[in-house]
């Protein structure tokens, strides 16, 4: 193959582009975990569906942001593999009369995604909290849920990674 016909290397991503992709992956992970719970689909099937039909796709209502595939997969698999531990951490952060089974399924998915990152991820806990509070604001604009998410995730982060505080 001559140099003229080779495909050029993609331009390296800026730090801002990488952050947007990671943020999008966190949002997608919450949506995918919600979908898994609602439909009973396997993690492998939901991961494939999101990667094939959400990451960078264009629809009538707009364009989806390209996501960080590695982060998305890690969060999804971590949430499934560590679900019992994450749910126990979440229960300890909630008021006794409101166990995780009683909270909104979107919040449950959010706590599981964030919990996976807190247990296995490389992002600092404060970054994880800020990112998932942002996801909560996207799902629950102009409500008290983002403050609730912040408090629960702070408790979970201090349990999962006390050395970071």
C-alpha atoms as a PDB file:
ATOM      1  CA  UNK A   1       0.000   0.000   0.000  1.00  0.00           C
ATOM      2  CA  UNK A   2       1.433   3.388  -0.910  1.00  0.00           C
ATOM      3  CA  UNK A   3       1.543   6.306   1.467  1.00  0.00           C
ATOM      4  CA  UNK A   4      -1.092   8.091  -0.615  1.00  0.00           C
ATOM      5  CA  UNK A   5      -3.791   5.504   0.157  1.00  0.00           C
ATOM      6  CA  UNK A   6      -3.168   5.054   3.870  1.00  0.00           C
ATOM      7  CA  UNK A   7      -5.815   6.271   6.272  1.00  0.00           C
ATOM      8  CA  UNK A   8      -4.515   9.206   8.308  1.00  0.00           C
ATOM      9  CA  UNK A   9      -4.145   8.767  12.051  1.00  0.00           C
ATOM     10  CA  UNK A  10      -6.983  10.413  14.001  1.00  0.00           C
ATOM     11  CA  UNK A  11      -6.038  13.606  15.766  1.00  0.00           C
ATOM     12  CA  UNK A  12      -5.305  13.139  19.473  1.00  0.00           C
ATOM     13  CA  UNK A  13      -8.171  14.079  21.777  1.00  0.00           C
ATOM     14  CA  UNK A  14      -7.937  17.189  23.898  1.00  0.00           C
ATOM     15  CA  UNK A  15      -8.364  16.979  27.658  1.00  0.00           C
ATOM     16  CA  UNK A  16     -11.799  18.596  27.329  1.00  0.00           C
ATOM     17  CA  UNK A  17     -12.897  16.022  24.723  1.00  0.00           C
ATOM     18  CA  UNK A  18     -11.758  13.172  26.984  1.00  0.00           C
ATOM     19  CA  UNK A  19     -13.699  14.637  29.940  1.00  0.00           C
ATOM     20  CA  UNK A  20     -16.850  14.963  27.813  1.00  0.00           C
ATOM     21  CA  UNK A  21     -16.505  11.367  26.649  1.00  0.00           C
ATOM     22  CA  UNK A  22     -16.051  10.130  30.232  1.00  0.00           C
ATOM     23  CA  UNK A  23     -19.064  12.161  31.389  1.00  0.00           C
ATOM     24  CA  UNK A  24     -21.152  10.751  28.534  1.00  0.00           C
ATOM     25  CA  UNK A  25     -20.074   7.228  29.462  1.00  0.00           C
ATOM     26  CA  UNK A  26     -21.257   7.747  33.024  1.00  0.00           C
ATOM     27  CA  UNK A  27     -24.643   8.954  31.806  1.00  0.00           C
ATOM     28  CA  UNK A  28     -24.880   6.009  29.408  1.00  0.00           C
ATOM     29  CA  UNK A  29     -23.949   3.591  32.209  1.00  0.00           C
ATOM     30  CA  UNK A  30     -26.815   4.876  34.379  1.00  0.00           C
ATOM     31  CA  UNK A  31     -29.215   4.543  31.449  1.00  0.00           C
ATOM     32  CA  UNK A  32     -27.922   1.057  30.633  1.00  0.00           C
ATOM     33  CA  UNK A  33     -28.168  -0.157  34.240  1.00  0.00           C
ATOM     34  CA  UNK A  34     -31.727   1.175  34.395  1.00  0.00           C
ATOM     35  CA  UNK A  35     -32.500  -0.664  31.153  1.00  0.00           C
ATOM     36  CA  UNK A  36     -30.990  -3.894  32.499  1.00  0.00           C
ATOM     37  CA  UNK A  37     -33.152  -3.750  35.603  1.00  0.00           C
ATOM     38  CA  UNK A  38     -36.317  -2.864  33.687  1.00  0.00           C
ATOM     39  CA  UNK A  39     -35.879  -5.411  30.893  1.00  0.00           C
ATOM     40  CA  UNK A  40     -33.916  -8.239  32.488  1.00  0.00           C
ATOM     41  CA  UNK A  41     -31.316  -8.110  29.696  1.00  0.00           C
ATOM     42  CA  UNK A  42     -27.756  -9.282  30.312  1.00  0.00           C
ATOM     43  CA  UNK A  43     -24.911  -6.849  30.808  1.00  0.00           C
ATOM     44  CA  UNK A  44     -23.254  -8.060  27.593  1.00  0.00           C
ATOM     45  CA  UNK A  45     -26.390  -7.417  25.531  1.00  0.00           C
ATOM     46  CA  UNK A  46     -26.946  -3.942  26.979  1.00  0.00           C
ATOM     47  CA  UNK A  47     -23.286  -2.981  26.516  1.00  0.00           C
ATOM     48  CA  UNK A  48     -23.417  -4.048  22.864  1.00  0.00           C
ATOM     49  CA  UNK A  49     -26.681  -2.180  22.277  1.00  0.00           C
ATOM     50  CA  UNK A  50     -25.360   1.055  23.769  1.00  0.00           C
ATOM     51  CA  UNK A  51     -22.061   0.868  21.907  1.00  0.00           C
ATOM     52  CA  UNK A  52     -23.828   0.109  18.625  1.00  0.00           C
ATOM     53  CA  UNK A  53     -26.754   2.531  18.920  1.00  0.00           C
ATOM     54  CA  UNK A  54     -25.888   5.334  21.355  1.00  0.00           C
ATOM     55  CA  UNK A  55     -22.206   6.191  21.226  1.00  0.00           C
ATOM     56  CA  UNK A  56     -21.975   8.964  18.618  1.00  0.00           C
ATOM     57  CA  UNK A  57     -25.285   8.061  16.945  1.00  0.00           C
ATOM     58  CA  UNK A  58     -27.454  10.700  15.291  1.00  0.00           C
ATOM     59  CA  UNK A  59     -31.239  10.612  15.619  1.00  0.00           C
ATOM     60  CA  UNK A  60     -34.060  13.047  14.873  1.00  0.00           C
ATOM     61  CA  UNK A  61     -33.863  14.433  18.402  1.00  0.00           C
ATOM     62  CA  UNK A  62     -30.134  15.075  18.116  1.00  0.00           C
ATOM     63  CA  UNK A  63     -26.706  13.533  18.278  1.00  0.00           C
ATOM     64  CA  UNK A  64     -25.404  11.384  21.106  1.00  0.00           C
ATOM     65  CA  UNK A  65     -21.929  12.171  22.352  1.00  0.00           C
ATOM     66  CA  UNK A  66     -19.216   9.636  21.687  1.00  0.00           C
ATOM     67  CA  UNK A  67     -18.376   7.857  24.929  1.00  0.00           C
ATOM     68  CA  UNK A  68     -15.269   6.379  26.490  1.00  0.00           C
ATOM     69  CA  UNK A  69     -15.914   2.707  25.715  1.00  0.00           C
ATOM     70  CA  UNK A  70     -13.409   1.413  28.272  1.00  0.00           C
ATOM     71  CA  UNK A  71     -14.906   3.436  31.122  1.00  0.00           C
ATOM     72  CA  UNK A  72     -18.446   2.472  30.090  1.00  0.00           C
ATOM     73  CA  UNK A  73     -17.589  -1.242  30.049  1.00  0.00           C
ATOM     74  CA  UNK A  74     -15.687  -1.020  33.342  1.00  0.00           C
ATOM     75  CA  UNK A  75     -18.563   0.749  35.087  1.00  0.00           C
ATOM     76  CA  UNK A  76     -21.143  -1.667  33.718  1.00  0.00           C
ATOM     77  CA  UNK A  77     -19.206  -4.798  34.619  1.00  0.00           C
ATOM     78  CA  UNK A  78     -18.169  -3.390  37.987  1.00  0.00           C
ATOM     79  CA  UNK A  79     -21.767  -2.477  38.831  1.00  0.00           C
ATOM     80  CA  UNK A  80     -22.892  -6.013  38.023  1.00  0.00           C
ATOM     81  CA  UNK A  81     -19.953  -7.772  39.701  1.00  0.00           C
ATOM     82  CA  UNK A  82     -20.104  -5.639  42.846  1.00  0.00           C
ATOM     83  CA  UNK A  83     -23.878  -5.061  42.980  1.00  0.00           C
ATOM     84  CA  UNK A  84     -24.415  -6.716  46.366  1.00  0.00           C
ATOM     85  CA  UNK A  85     -21.567  -4.753  47.984  1.00  0.00           C
ATOM     86  CA  UNK A  86     -22.641  -1.502  46.286  1.00  0.00           C
ATOM     87  CA  UNK A  87     -26.264  -1.989  47.377  1.00  0.00           C
ATOM     88  CA  UNK A  88     -25.100  -2.632  50.952  1.00  0.00           C
ATOM     89  CA  UNK A  89     -22.995   0.555  50.896  1.00  0.00           C
ATOM     90  CA  UNK A  90     -25.980   2.461  49.518  1.00  0.00           C
ATOM     91  CA  UNK A  91     -28.297   1.027  52.188  1.00  0.00           C
ATOM     92  CA  UNK A  92     -25.906   2.167  54.910  1.00  0.00           C
ATOM     93  CA  UNK A  93     -25.951   5.677  53.428  1.00  0.00           C
ATOM     94  CA  UNK A  94     -29.758   5.811  53.260  1.00  0.00           C
ATOM     95  CA  UNK A  95     -32.208   6.431  56.064  1.00  0.00           C
ATOM     96  CA  UNK A  96     -33.230   3.125  57.667  1.00  0.00           C
ATOM     97  CA  UNK A  97     -36.805   3.387  56.399  1.00  0.00           C
ATOM     98  CA  UNK A  98     -35.642   3.850  52.790  1.00  0.00           C
ATOM     99  CA  UNK A  99     -33.603   0.836  51.687  1.00  0.00           C
ATOM    100  CA  UNK A 100     -32.285   0.814  48.127  1.00  0.00           C
ATOM    101  CA  UNK A 101     -35.179  -1.373  46.964  1.00  0.00           C
ATOM    102  CA  UNK A 102     -37.602   1.495  47.751  1.00  0.00           C
ATOM    103  CA  UNK A 103     -35.831   4.285  45.900  1.00  0.00           C
ATOM    104  CA  UNK A 104     -36.371   5.407  42.308  1.00  0.00           C
ATOM    105  CA  UNK A 105     -34.862   2.927  39.808  1.00  0.00           C
ATOM    106  CA  UNK A 106     -32.906   5.716  38.111  1.00  0.00           C
ATOM    107  CA  UNK A 107     -31.273   6.583  41.424  1.00  0.00           C
ATOM    108  CA  UNK A 108     -30.574   2.908  42.062  1.00  0.00           C
ATOM    109  CA  UNK A 109     -28.811   2.693  38.685  1.00  0.00           C
ATOM    110  CA  UNK A 110     -26.885   5.877  39.444  1.00  0.00           C
ATOM    111  CA  UNK A 111     -25.701   4.607  42.849  1.00  0.00           C
ATOM    112  CA  UNK A 112     -24.616   1.315  41.284  1.00  0.00           C
ATOM    113  CA  UNK A 113     -22.643   3.040  38.517  1.00  0.00           C
ATOM    114  CA  UNK A 114     -20.980   5.438  40.964  1.00  0.00           C
ATOM    115  CA  UNK A 115     -20.357   2.612  43.425  1.00  0.00           C
ATOM    116  CA  UNK A 116     -18.531   0.648  40.737  1.00  0.00           C
ATOM    117  CA  UNK A 117     -16.226   3.593  40.132  1.00  0.00           C
ATOM    118  CA  UNK A 118     -15.681   4.149  43.830  1.00  0.00           C
ATOM    119  CA  UNK A 119     -14.731   0.499  44.342  1.00  0.00           C
ATOM    120  CA  UNK A 120     -12.678  -0.119  41.191  1.00  0.00           C
ATOM    121  CA  UNK A 121     -12.182   3.113  39.273  1.00  0.00           C
ATOM    122  CA  UNK A 122      -9.176   5.351  38.935  1.00  0.00           C
ATOM    123  CA  UNK A 123     -10.980   8.691  39.257  1.00  0.00           C
ATOM    124  CA  UNK A 124     -10.674  10.442  42.621  1.00  0.00           C
ATOM    125  CA  UNK A 125     -13.820  10.029  44.761  1.00  0.00           C
ATOM    126  CA  UNK A 126     -14.607  13.746  44.647  1.00  0.00           C
ATOM    127  CA  UNK A 127     -14.583  13.629  40.825  1.00  0.00           C
ATOM    128  CA  UNK A 128     -16.912  10.606  40.887  1.00  0.00           C
ATOM    129  CA  UNK A 129     -19.298  12.463  43.207  1.00  0.00           C
ATOM    130  CA  UNK A 130     -19.323  15.621  41.077  1.00  0.00           C
ATOM    131  CA  UNK A 131     -19.837  13.644  37.868  1.00  0.00           C
ATOM    132  CA  UNK A 132     -22.773  11.609  39.190  1.00  0.00           C
ATOM    133  CA  UNK A 133     -24.400  14.637  40.828  1.00  0.00           C
ATOM    134  CA  UNK A 134     -24.282  16.102  37.306  1.00  0.00           C
ATOM    135  CA  UNK A 135     -25.991  12.971  35.978  1.00  0.00           C
ATOM    136  CA  UNK A 136     -28.642  13.343  38.694  1.00  0.00           C
ATOM    137  CA  UNK A 137     -29.207  16.953  37.617  1.00  0.00           C
ATOM    138  CA  UNK A 138     -29.752  15.746  34.038  1.00  0.00           C
ATOM    139  CA  UNK A 139     -32.410  13.263  35.157  1.00  0.00           C
ATOM    140  CA  UNK A 140     -33.943  15.348  37.947  1.00  0.00           C
ATOM    141  CA  UNK A 141     -33.663  19.044  37.032  1.00  0.00           C
ATOM    142  CA  UNK A 142     -34.968  21.523  39.563  1.00  0.00           C
ATOM    143  CA  UNK A 143     -35.561  18.919  42.287  1.00  0.00           C
ATOM    144  CA  UNK A 144     -33.842  17.938  45.522  1.00  0.00           C
ATOM    145  CA  UNK A 145     -32.531  14.610  44.174  1.00  0.00           C
ATOM    146  CA  UNK A 146     -29.068  15.968  43.211  1.00  0.00           C
ATOM    147  CA  UNK A 147     -28.482  17.069  46.826  1.00  0.00           C
ATOM    148  CA  UNK A 148     -29.676  13.674  48.013  1.00  0.00           C
ATOM    149  CA  UNK A 149     -27.317  11.977  45.531  1.00  0.00           C
ATOM    150  CA  UNK A 150     -24.433  14.148  46.745  1.00  0.00           C
ATOM    151  CA  UNK A 151     -25.036  13.132  50.384  1.00  0.00           C
ATOM    152  CA  UNK A 152     -25.387   9.414  49.619  1.00  0.00           C
ATOM    153  CA  UNK A 153     -22.327   9.343  47.351  1.00  0.00           C
ATOM    154  CA  UNK A 154     -20.250  11.237  49.907  1.00  0.00           C
ATOM    155  CA  UNK A 155     -21.097   8.570  52.489  1.00  0.00           C
ATOM    156  CA  UNK A 156     -20.356   5.768  50.013  1.00  0.00           C
ATOM    157  CA  UNK A 157     -17.046   7.341  48.961  1.00  0.00           C
ATOM    158  CA  UNK A 158     -15.881   7.705  52.561  1.00  0.00           C
ATOM    159  CA  UNK A 159     -16.666   4.029  53.122  1.00  0.00           C
ATOM    160  CA  UNK A 160     -15.108   2.791  49.874  1.00  0.00           C
ATOM    161  CA  UNK A 161     -11.986   4.980  49.951  1.00  0.00           C
ATOM    162  CA  UNK A 162     -11.484   6.533  53.389  1.00  0.00           C
ATOM    163  CA  UNK A 163      -7.836   7.293  52.592  1.00  0.00           C
ATOM    164  CA  UNK A 164      -8.952   9.888  50.036  1.00  0.00           C
ATOM    165  CA  UNK A 165     -10.598  12.053  52.702  1.00  0.00           C
END
